[in-house]
Amino acid sequence: MIRVTRLDGSELLLNSDLIETVEQTPDSVISLVNGHKLVVRDTVAQLVERIVLFRQGVHLCPLLKETLSAAIVQKPSQVDSALRGS
Protein backbone atom coordinates (compact mmCIF):
# COMPACT_ATOMS: atom_id res chain seq x y z
CA MET A 1 0.00 0.00 0.00
CA ILE A 2 1.20 3.50 -0.77
CA ARG A 3 -0.07 6.80 0.59
CA VAL A 4 -1.44 9.31 -1.94
CA THR A 5 -2.93 12.76 -1.43
CA ARG A 6 -6.14 13.74 -3.19
CA LEU A 7 -6.59 17.25 -4.54
CA ASP A 8 -8.67 18.22 -1.48
CA GLY A 9 -5.74 17.28 0.79
CA SER A 10 -7.20 14.06 2.15
CA GLU A 11 -4.93 11.04 2.22
CA LEU A 12 -5.68 7.62 0.87
CA LEU A 13 -3.86 4.30 1.03
CA LEU A 14 -3.75 2.68 -2.38
CA ASN A 15 -2.92 -0.90 -3.29
CA SER A 16 -0.10 -0.32 -5.78
CA ASP A 17 -0.80 -3.69 -7.43
CA LEU A 18 -4.01 -2.17 -8.82
CA ILE A 19 -2.23 0.65 -10.68
CA GLU A 20 -2.30 0.30 -14.44
CA THR A 21 -0.90 3.70 -15.48
CA VAL A 22 0.10 7.05 -14.00
CA GLU A 23 0.01 10.25 -16.07
CA GLN A 24 1.06 13.84 -15.32
CA THR A 25 -1.60 16.07 -16.96
CA PRO A 26 -0.73 18.55 -15.03
CA ASP A 27 -2.16 16.73 -11.98
CA SER A 28 -1.24 13.09 -11.57
CA VAL A 29 -3.95 10.77 -12.84
CA ILE A 30 -3.76 7.18 -11.60
CA SER A 31 -5.66 4.65 -13.70
CA LEU A 32 -6.53 1.44 -11.91
CA VAL A 33 -7.04 -2.00 -13.44
CA ASN A 34 -10.76 -1.85 -12.57
CA GLY A 35 -11.23 1.29 -14.73
CA HIS A 36 -11.37 3.79 -11.86
CA LYS A 37 -9.21 6.90 -12.00
CA LEU A 38 -7.76 8.91 -9.12
CA VAL A 39 -6.49 12.48 -9.45
CA VAL A 40 -3.83 13.20 -6.84
CA ARG A 41 -1.44 15.98 -5.80
CA ASP A 42 1.58 13.71 -5.74
CA THR A 43 3.94 13.85 -8.72
CA VAL A 44 4.62 10.83 -10.89
CA ALA A 45 8.18 10.74 -9.52
CA GLN A 46 6.89 10.66 -5.93
CA LEU A 47 4.45 7.88 -6.76
CA VAL A 48 7.12 5.80 -8.47
CA GLU A 49 9.46 6.27 -5.50
CA ARG A 50 6.77 5.16 -3.05
CA ILE A 51 5.91 2.10 -5.14
CA VAL A 52 9.58 1.10 -5.43
CA LEU A 53 10.14 1.54 -1.67
CA PHE A 54 7.00 -0.46 -0.87
CA ARG A 55 8.00 -3.31 -3.18
CA GLN A 56 11.55 -3.34 -1.85
CA GLY A 57 10.17 -3.64 1.67
CA VAL A 58 7.93 -6.53 0.65
CA HIS A 59 10.76 -8.41 -1.04
CA LEU A 60 13.45 -7.62 1.54
CA CYS A 61 11.32 -8.58 4.54
CA PRO A 62 11.93 -12.35 4.15
CA LEU A 63 15.66 -11.69 3.78
CA LEU A 64 15.70 -9.58 6.94
CA LYS A 65 13.81 -12.26 8.87
CA GLU A 66 16.32 -14.85 7.67
CA THR A 67 19.26 -12.65 8.67
CA LEU A 68 17.79 -11.94 12.10
CA SER A 69 16.96 -15.62 12.71
CA ALA A 70 20.52 -16.61 11.89
CA ALA A 71 21.82 -13.76 14.05
CA ILE A 72 19.96 -14.95 17.15
CA VAL A 73 22.34 -17.89 17.55
CA GLN A 74 25.41 -15.68 17.06
CA LYS A 75 27.26 -13.38 19.43
CA PRO A 76 26.03 -9.74 19.67
CA SER A 77 29.05 -8.44 17.75
CA GLN A 78 28.29 -10.87 14.93
CA VAL A 79 24.66 -9.71 14.90
CA ASP A 80 25.78 -6.14 14.19
CA SER A 81 28.04 -7.37 11.38
CA ALA A 82 25.28 -9.51 9.88
CA LEU A 83 22.83 -6.62 9.86
CA ARG A 84 25.38 -4.32 8.23
CA GLY A 85 26.12 -6.95 5.60
CA SER A 86 29.81 -7.18 6.47
C-alpha atoms as a PDB file:
ATOM      1  CA  MET A   1       0.000   0.000   0.000  1.00  0.00           C
ATOM      2  CA  ILE A   2       1.202   3.499  -0.766  1.00  0.00           C
ATOM      3  CA  ARG A   3      -0.065   6.800   0.588  1.00  0.00           C
ATOM      4  CA  VAL A   4      -1.440   9.306  -1.937  1.00  0.00           C
ATOM      5  CA  THR A   5      -2.931  12.757  -1.430  1.00  0.00           C
ATOM      6  CA  ARG A   6      -6.142  13.736  -3.189  1.00  0.00           C
ATOM      7  CA  LEU A   7      -6.591  17.251  -4.544  1.00  0.00           C
ATOM      8  CA  ASP A   8      -8.672  18.218  -1.483  1.00  0.00           C
ATOM      9  CA  GLY A   9      -5.737  17.285   0.792  1.00  0.00           C
ATOM     10  CA  SER A  10      -7.199  14.060   2.148  1.00  0.00           C
ATOM     11  CA  GLU A  11      -4.928  11.040   2.216  1.00  0.00           C
ATOM     12  CA  LEU A  12      -5.678   7.618   0.867  1.00  0.00           C
ATOM     13  CA  LEU A  13      -3.857   4.301   1.030  1.00  0.00           C
ATOM     14  CA  LEU A  14      -3.751   2.675  -2.380  1.00  0.00           C
ATOM     15  CA  ASN A  15      -2.923  -0.899  -3.293  1.00  0.00           C
ATOM     16  CA  SER A  16      -0.099  -0.321  -5.778  1.00  0.00           C
ATOM     17  CA  ASP A  17      -0.801  -3.695  -7.429  1.00  0.00           C
ATOM     18  CA  LEU A  18      -4.014  -2.172  -8.821  1.00  0.00           C
ATOM     19  CA  ILE A  19      -2.232   0.654 -10.676  1.00  0.00           C
ATOM     20  CA  GLU A  20      -2.295   0.298 -14.442  1.00  0.00           C
ATOM     21  CA  THR A  21      -0.901   3.699 -15.484  1.00  0.00           C
ATOM     22  CA  VAL A  22       0.105   7.047 -13.999  1.00  0.00           C
ATOM     23  CA  GLU A  23       0.015  10.251 -16.068  1.00  0.00           C
ATOM     24  CA  GLN A  24       1.060  13.839 -15.320  1.00  0.00           C
ATOM     25  CA  THR A  25      -1.603  16.074 -16.959  1.00  0.00           C
ATOM     26  CA  PRO A  26      -0.733  18.554 -15.029  1.00  0.00           C
ATOM     27  CA  ASP A  27      -2.158  16.734 -11.979  1.00  0.00           C
ATOM     28  CA  SER A  28      -1.237  13.089 -11.570  1.00  0.00           C
ATOM     29  CA  VAL A  29      -3.954  10.768 -12.835  1.00  0.00           C
ATOM     30  CA  ILE A  30      -3.757   7.182 -11.599  1.00  0.00           C
ATOM     31  CA  SER A  31      -5.657   4.650 -13.702  1.00  0.00           C
ATOM     32  CA  LEU A  32      -6.529   1.436 -11.910  1.00  0.00           C
ATOM     33  CA  VAL A  33      -7.039  -1.996 -13.441  1.00  0.00           C
ATOM     34  CA  ASN A  34     -10.762  -1.846 -12.565  1.00  0.00           C
ATOM     35  CA  GLY A  35     -11.226   1.289 -14.732  1.00  0.00           C
ATOM     36  CA  HIS A  36     -11.367   3.789 -11.859  1.00  0.00           C
ATOM     37  CA  LYS A  37      -9.207   6.901 -11.998  1.00  0.00           C
ATOM     38  CA  LEU A  38      -7.764   8.913  -9.119  1.00  0.00           C
ATOM     39  CA  VAL A  39      -6.491  12.479  -9.455  1.00  0.00           C
ATOM     40  CA  VAL A  40      -3.834  13.203  -6.843  1.00  0.00           C
ATOM     41  CA  ARG A  41      -1.443  15.982  -5.801  1.00  0.00           C
ATOM     42  CA  ASP A  42       1.579  13.708  -5.738  1.00  0.00           C
ATOM     43  CA  THR A  43       3.937  13.852  -8.717  1.00  0.00           C
ATOM     44  CA  VAL A  44       4.619  10.834 -10.894  1.00  0.00           C
ATOM     45  CA  ALA A  45       8.183  10.739  -9.522  1.00  0.00           C
ATOM     46  CA  GLN A  46       6.889  10.661  -5.933  1.00  0.00           C
ATOM     47  CA  LEU A  47       4.452   7.879  -6.762  1.00  0.00           C
ATOM     48  CA  VAL A  48       7.123   5.797  -8.474  1.00  0.00           C
ATOM     49  CA  GLU A  49       9.464   6.270  -5.503  1.00  0.00           C
ATOM     50  CA  ARG A  50       6.768   5.157  -3.045  1.00  0.00           C
ATOM     51  CA  ILE A  51       5.912   2.104  -5.145  1.00  0.00           C
ATOM     52  CA  VAL A  52       9.577   1.102  -5.431  1.00  0.00           C
ATOM     53  CA  LEU A  53      10.137   1.537  -1.668  1.00  0.00           C
ATOM     54  CA  PHE A  54       7.003  -0.461  -0.874  1.00  0.00           C
ATOM     55  CA  ARG A  55       7.998  -3.314  -3.181  1.00  0.00           C
ATOM     56  CA  GLN A  56      11.551  -3.345  -1.846  1.00  0.00           C
ATOM     57  CA  GLY A  57      10.166  -3.638   1.668  1.00  0.00           C
ATOM     58  CA  VAL A  58       7.928  -6.529   0.652  1.00  0.00           C
ATOM     59  CA  HIS A  59      10.755  -8.413  -1.038  1.00  0.00           C
ATOM     60  CA  LEU A  60      13.446  -7.624   1.542  1.00  0.00           C
ATOM     61  CA  CYS A  61      11.318  -8.576   4.536  1.00  0.00           C
ATOM     62  CA  PRO A  62      11.931 -12.346   4.150  1.00  0.00           C
ATOM     63  CA  LEU A  63      15.660 -11.693   3.784  1.00  0.00           C
ATOM     64  CA  LEU A  64      15.696  -9.578   6.942  1.00  0.00           C
ATOM     65  CA  LYS A  65      13.815 -12.257   8.867  1.00  0.00           C
ATOM     66  CA  GLU A  66      16.318 -14.854   7.672  1.00  0.00           C
ATOM     67  CA  THR A  67      19.265 -12.647   8.673  1.00  0.00           C
ATOM     68  CA  LEU A  68      17.794 -11.944  12.104  1.00  0.00           C
ATOM     69  CA  SER A  69      16.956 -15.618  12.707  1.00  0.00           C
ATOM     70  CA  ALA A  70      20.517 -16.611  11.886  1.00  0.00           C
ATOM     71  CA  ALA A  71      21.825 -13.758  14.052  1.00  0.00           C
ATOM     72  CA  ILE A  72      19.955 -14.945  17.146  1.00  0.00           C
ATOM     73  CA  VAL A  73      22.336 -17.890  17.546  1.00  0.00           C
ATOM     74  CA  GLN A  74      25.412 -15.679  17.064  1.00  0.00           C
ATOM     75  CA  LYS A  75      27.263 -13.376  19.434  1.00  0.00           C
ATOM     76  CA  PRO A  76      26.030  -9.740  19.667  1.00  0.00           C
ATOM     77  CA  SER A  77      29.047  -8.437  17.749  1.00  0.00           C
ATOM     78  CA  GLN A  78      28.286 -10.872  14.934  1.00  0.00           C
ATOM     79  CA  VAL A  79      24.660  -9.714  14.898  1.00  0.00           C
ATOM     80  CA  ASP A  80      25.785  -6.139  14.194  1.00  0.00           C
ATOM     81  CA  SER A  81      28.041  -7.369  11.382  1.00  0.00           C
ATOM     82  CA  ALA A  82      25.280  -9.511   9.879  1.00  0.00           C
ATOM     83  CA  LEU A  83      22.826  -6.620   9.858  1.00  0.00           C
ATOM     84  CA  ARG A  84      25.384  -4.323   8.228  1.00  0.00           C
ATOM     85  CA  GLY A  85      26.119  -6.955   5.596  1.00  0.00           C
ATOM     86  CA  SER A  86      29.806  -7.179   6.474  1.00  0.00           C
END
